[in-house]
């Protein structure tokens, strides 16, 4: 692993909270939400917008990369490895039906992160074996953000934690109410969409989650 990638991975592992943008919002709103979240201490942001055309996605990725880097935060681009590279992002995140991990690595090179989505323990094991930097595991709970998400739950997360050493980013229906349960199951980071993006005060919502994550856990 290159020094640049190792440094990015260390920053991701230490971040605690992983903010995923809400593709239902317009770009200006997404930028405002991300800005407030960064001010609150969020240090990893994933830009997700599956319906965006290439140039529109690229322009937004460049703007968010600049915003994130000004706060010493990482920007991960969902699906589009090419845009992750072109926009100066810190990595790409791919699903099981997206660009294969090996192909994504070939596009982004050795310095950027490659994360993989998983809903089953075997997928986590395979991702680690194949060189993923981290796994997004879920859904933890039912979520309106992704109605077709396969339900994994905290119990399966705990099993995945026993089988793999790479960072596990839990996602799906996570909020301040259930964050402790997910952390206790072995999550390294909590990924959220609605809990921050749909909050009346995104910065305050992010700060509350970060405080829960950083609190001592028995």
Protein backbone atom coordinates (compact mmCIF):
# COMPACT_ATOMS: atom_id res chain seq x y z
CA UNK A 1 0.00 0.00 0.00
CA UNK A 2 1.35 3.44 -0.90
CA UNK A 3 2.09 5.98 1.83
CA UNK A 4 -0.60 8.31 0.48
CA UNK A 5 -3.25 5.61 0.59
CA UNK A 6 -2.16 4.45 4.04
CA UNK A 7 -2.48 8.01 5.31
CA UNK A 8 -5.96 8.34 3.81
CA UNK A 9 -6.99 5.03 5.34
CA UNK A 10 -5.76 6.10 8.77
CA UNK A 11 -7.78 9.30 8.50
CA UNK A 12 -10.87 7.37 7.46
CA UNK A 13 -10.52 4.88 10.30
CA UNK A 14 -10.25 7.70 12.84
CA UNK A 15 -13.15 9.75 11.46
CA UNK A 16 -16.01 8.02 13.31
CA UNK A 17 -18.76 9.49 11.14
CA UNK A 18 -19.11 8.98 7.38
CA UNK A 19 -21.56 11.38 5.74
CA UNK A 20 -23.30 10.26 2.54
CA UNK A 21 -24.97 13.03 0.57
CA UNK A 22 -28.69 12.92 -0.20
CA UNK A 23 -29.26 12.66 -3.94
CA UNK A 24 -32.82 13.95 -3.50
CA UNK A 25 -31.38 17.36 -2.60
CA UNK A 26 -30.18 19.90 -5.15
CA UNK A 27 -26.42 20.58 -5.45
CA UNK A 28 -26.60 23.88 -3.59
CA UNK A 29 -28.37 22.24 -0.66
CA UNK A 30 -25.89 19.35 -0.65
CA UNK A 31 -23.00 21.82 -0.57
CA UNK A 32 -24.59 23.72 2.33
CA UNK A 33 -25.23 20.52 4.29
CA UNK A 34 -21.70 19.26 3.69
CA UNK A 35 -20.27 22.62 4.71
CA UNK A 36 -22.21 22.62 7.99
CA UNK A 37 -21.24 19.01 8.67
CA UNK A 38 -17.56 19.75 8.05
CA UNK A 39 -17.71 22.70 10.43
CA UNK A 40 -19.16 20.31 13.03
CA UNK A 41 -16.23 17.92 12.66
CA UNK A 42 -17.21 15.44 9.94
CA UNK A 43 -14.07 14.24 8.16
CA UNK A 44 -15.36 11.79 5.55
CA UNK A 45 -18.00 12.63 2.92
CA UNK A 46 -19.31 10.44 0.12
CA UNK A 47 -20.88 12.11 -2.89
CA UNK A 48 -23.67 9.87 -4.13
CA UNK A 49 -25.85 10.84 -7.08
CA UNK A 50 -26.63 7.87 -9.30
CA UNK A 51 -28.79 9.83 -11.74
CA UNK A 52 -26.36 12.69 -12.40
CA UNK A 53 -24.86 13.14 -15.85
CA UNK A 54 -21.07 12.90 -16.05
CA UNK A 55 -20.24 16.62 -16.38
CA UNK A 56 -22.71 17.63 -13.66
CA UNK A 57 -21.36 14.96 -11.33
CA UNK A 58 -17.78 15.99 -12.10
CA UNK A 59 -18.45 19.67 -11.40
CA UNK A 60 -20.10 18.87 -8.08
CA UNK A 61 -17.35 16.44 -7.12
CA UNK A 62 -14.69 19.09 -7.77
CA UNK A 63 -16.56 21.64 -5.67
CA UNK A 64 -17.05 19.20 -2.79
CA UNK A 65 -13.45 18.00 -2.98
CA UNK A 66 -12.28 21.59 -2.52
CA UNK A 67 -14.71 22.10 0.35
CA UNK A 68 -13.62 18.88 2.07
CA UNK A 69 -9.90 19.42 1.57
CA UNK A 70 -10.14 22.90 3.05
CA UNK A 71 -11.27 21.19 6.27
CA UNK A 72 -8.75 18.33 6.02
CA UNK A 73 -11.59 15.92 5.20
CA UNK A 74 -11.80 13.10 2.68
CA UNK A 75 -14.16 13.02 -0.28
CA UNK A 76 -15.25 9.64 -1.61
CA UNK A 77 -17.13 9.43 -4.92
CA UNK A 78 -19.84 6.80 -5.29
CA UNK A 79 -19.59 4.46 -8.31
CA UNK A 80 -17.61 6.70 -10.66
CA UNK A 81 -13.92 5.84 -10.37
CA UNK A 82 -13.11 8.07 -13.33
CA UNK A 83 -14.72 11.09 -11.72
CA UNK A 84 -13.03 10.36 -8.41
CA UNK A 85 -9.66 10.66 -10.15
CA UNK A 86 -10.54 13.62 -12.36
CA UNK A 87 -12.11 15.63 -9.54
CA UNK A 88 -9.22 15.12 -7.13
CA UNK A 89 -11.24 13.05 -4.66
CA UNK A 90 -9.71 10.66 -2.12
CA UNK A 91 -11.40 7.47 -3.22
CA UNK A 92 -14.30 5.66 -4.83
CA UNK A 93 -17.02 3.48 -3.34
CA UNK A 94 -18.53 0.67 -5.41
CA UNK A 95 -21.46 -1.66 -4.85
CA UNK A 96 -21.74 -5.35 -5.60
CA UNK A 97 -23.30 -4.57 -8.99
CA UNK A 98 -20.98 -1.69 -9.88
CA UNK A 99 -17.46 -1.65 -11.28
CA UNK A 100 -15.56 -4.67 -9.87
CA UNK A 101 -13.06 -3.91 -7.13
CA UNK A 102 -10.04 -4.85 -9.24
CA UNK A 103 -11.21 -2.64 -12.10
CA UNK A 104 -11.88 0.27 -9.74
CA UNK A 105 -8.38 -0.09 -8.33
CA UNK A 106 -6.94 -0.09 -11.85
CA UNK A 107 -8.70 3.19 -12.60
CA UNK A 108 -7.91 5.05 -9.36
CA UNK A 109 -4.39 3.72 -8.85
CA UNK A 110 -2.58 2.89 -5.63
CA UNK A 111 -3.00 6.21 -3.82
CA UNK A 112 -6.80 6.45 -3.60
CA UNK A 113 -9.15 4.45 -1.40
CA UNK A 114 -11.55 1.86 -2.75
CA UNK A 115 -14.54 0.97 -0.58
CA UNK A 116 -17.03 -1.79 -1.29
CA UNK A 117 -20.65 -2.28 -0.22
CA UNK A 118 -21.63 -5.58 1.39
CA UNK A 119 -24.70 -7.09 3.01
CA UNK A 120 -23.35 -10.55 3.81
CA UNK A 121 -20.34 -11.74 5.78
CA UNK A 122 -18.95 -13.66 2.81
CA UNK A 123 -18.94 -10.43 0.79
CA UNK A 124 -16.93 -8.73 3.53
CA UNK A 125 -14.40 -11.57 3.59
CA UNK A 126 -14.11 -11.48 -0.20
CA UNK A 127 -13.67 -7.70 -0.22
CA UNK A 128 -10.84 -7.89 2.29
CA UNK A 129 -9.19 -10.74 0.38
CA UNK A 130 -9.39 -8.78 -2.86
CA UNK A 131 -7.84 -5.64 -1.42
CA UNK A 132 -10.71 -3.33 -0.46
CA UNK A 133 -9.67 -0.56 1.90
CA UNK A 134 -12.97 -0.62 3.80
CA UNK A 135 -16.45 -2.10 3.56
CA UNK A 136 -19.77 -0.29 3.80
CA UNK A 137 -21.95 -2.87 5.59
CA UNK A 138 -25.72 -2.77 5.81
CA UNK A 139 -28.45 -2.02 5.87
CA UNK A 140 -28.42 -1.94 9.67
CA UNK A 141 -32.06 -0.94 9.86
CA UNK A 142 -34.83 -0.24 7.34
CA UNK A 143 -34.19 3.06 5.61
CA UNK A 144 -36.28 5.21 3.25
CA UNK A 145 -33.08 6.49 1.61
CA UNK A 146 -32.49 3.15 -0.10
CA UNK A 147 -35.69 1.13 -0.17
CA UNK A 148 -34.08 -1.80 -2.01
CA UNK A 149 -31.24 -2.20 0.49
CA UNK A 150 -30.70 -5.74 1.76
CA UNK A 151 -31.14 -5.95 5.52
CA UNK A 152 -28.06 -7.10 7.40
CA UNK A 153 -28.56 -5.84 10.95
CA UNK A 154 -26.22 -5.44 13.92
CA UNK A 155 -25.98 -9.18 14.58
CA UNK A 156 -24.54 -9.85 11.12
CA UNK A 157 -22.24 -6.86 11.56
CA UNK A 158 -20.88 -8.46 14.74
CA UNK A 159 -20.18 -11.66 12.80
CA UNK A 160 -18.45 -9.70 10.05
CA UNK A 161 -16.33 -7.96 12.69
CA UNK A 162 -15.08 -11.35 13.88
CA UNK A 163 -14.17 -12.42 10.35
CA UNK A 164 -12.46 -9.30 9.00
CA UNK A 165 -9.91 -6.73 10.10
CA UNK A 166 -10.53 -3.95 7.59
CA UNK A 167 -12.63 -0.94 8.66
CA UNK A 168 -16.37 -1.61 8.70
CA UNK A 169 -18.61 1.35 7.90
CA UNK A 170 -22.12 0.55 9.07
CA UNK A 171 -24.94 2.13 7.05
CA UNK A 172 -28.71 2.08 6.81
CA UNK A 173 -31.22 3.74 9.12
CA UNK A 174 -28.61 4.81 11.66
CA UNK A 175 -29.51 7.69 13.96
CA UNK A 176 -28.66 9.03 17.40
CA UNK A 177 -31.24 6.62 18.84
CA UNK A 178 -29.55 3.43 17.65
CA UNK A 179 -25.93 4.50 17.13
CA UNK A 180 -24.73 2.87 20.36
CA UNK A 181 -26.13 -0.51 19.31
CA UNK A 182 -24.29 -0.38 15.99
CA UNK A 183 -21.02 0.69 17.60
CA UNK A 184 -21.33 -2.13 20.12
CA UNK A 185 -21.69 -4.59 17.24
CA UNK A 186 -18.25 -3.59 15.96
CA UNK A 187 -18.65 -0.72 13.50
CA UNK A 188 -15.57 1.42 12.99
CA UNK A 189 -17.59 4.22 11.42
CA UNK A 190 -21.26 5.12 11.18
CA UNK A 191 -22.50 6.18 7.76
CA UNK A 192 -25.57 8.38 7.71
CA UNK A 193 -27.69 10.16 5.15
CA UNK A 194 -31.02 11.33 6.55
CA UNK A 195 -29.81 11.66 10.15
CA UNK A 196 -27.74 14.66 9.05
CA UNK A 197 -28.93 15.70 5.58
CA UNK A 198 -32.63 15.79 6.53
CA UNK A 199 -32.07 17.42 9.92
CA UNK A 200 -33.25 21.02 10.41
CA UNK A 201 -29.71 21.81 11.63
CA UNK A 202 -27.28 19.43 9.88
CA UNK A 203 -24.29 20.69 11.80
CA UNK A 204 -25.95 20.12 15.16
CA UNK A 205 -27.09 16.65 14.10
CA UNK A 206 -23.57 15.74 12.98
CA UNK A 207 -22.10 17.07 16.20
CA UNK A 208 -24.51 14.99 18.28
CA UNK A 209 -23.55 11.83 16.40
CA UNK A 210 -19.85 12.57 16.72
CA UNK A 211 -20.24 13.03 20.47
CA UNK A 212 -22.01 9.66 20.72
CA UNK A 213 -19.29 7.99 18.68
CA UNK A 214 -16.50 9.47 20.77
CA UNK A 215 -18.14 8.70 24.09
CA UNK A 216 -16.71 5.75 26.09
CA UNK A 217 -18.46 2.48 25.20
CA UNK A 218 -18.65 -0.52 27.48
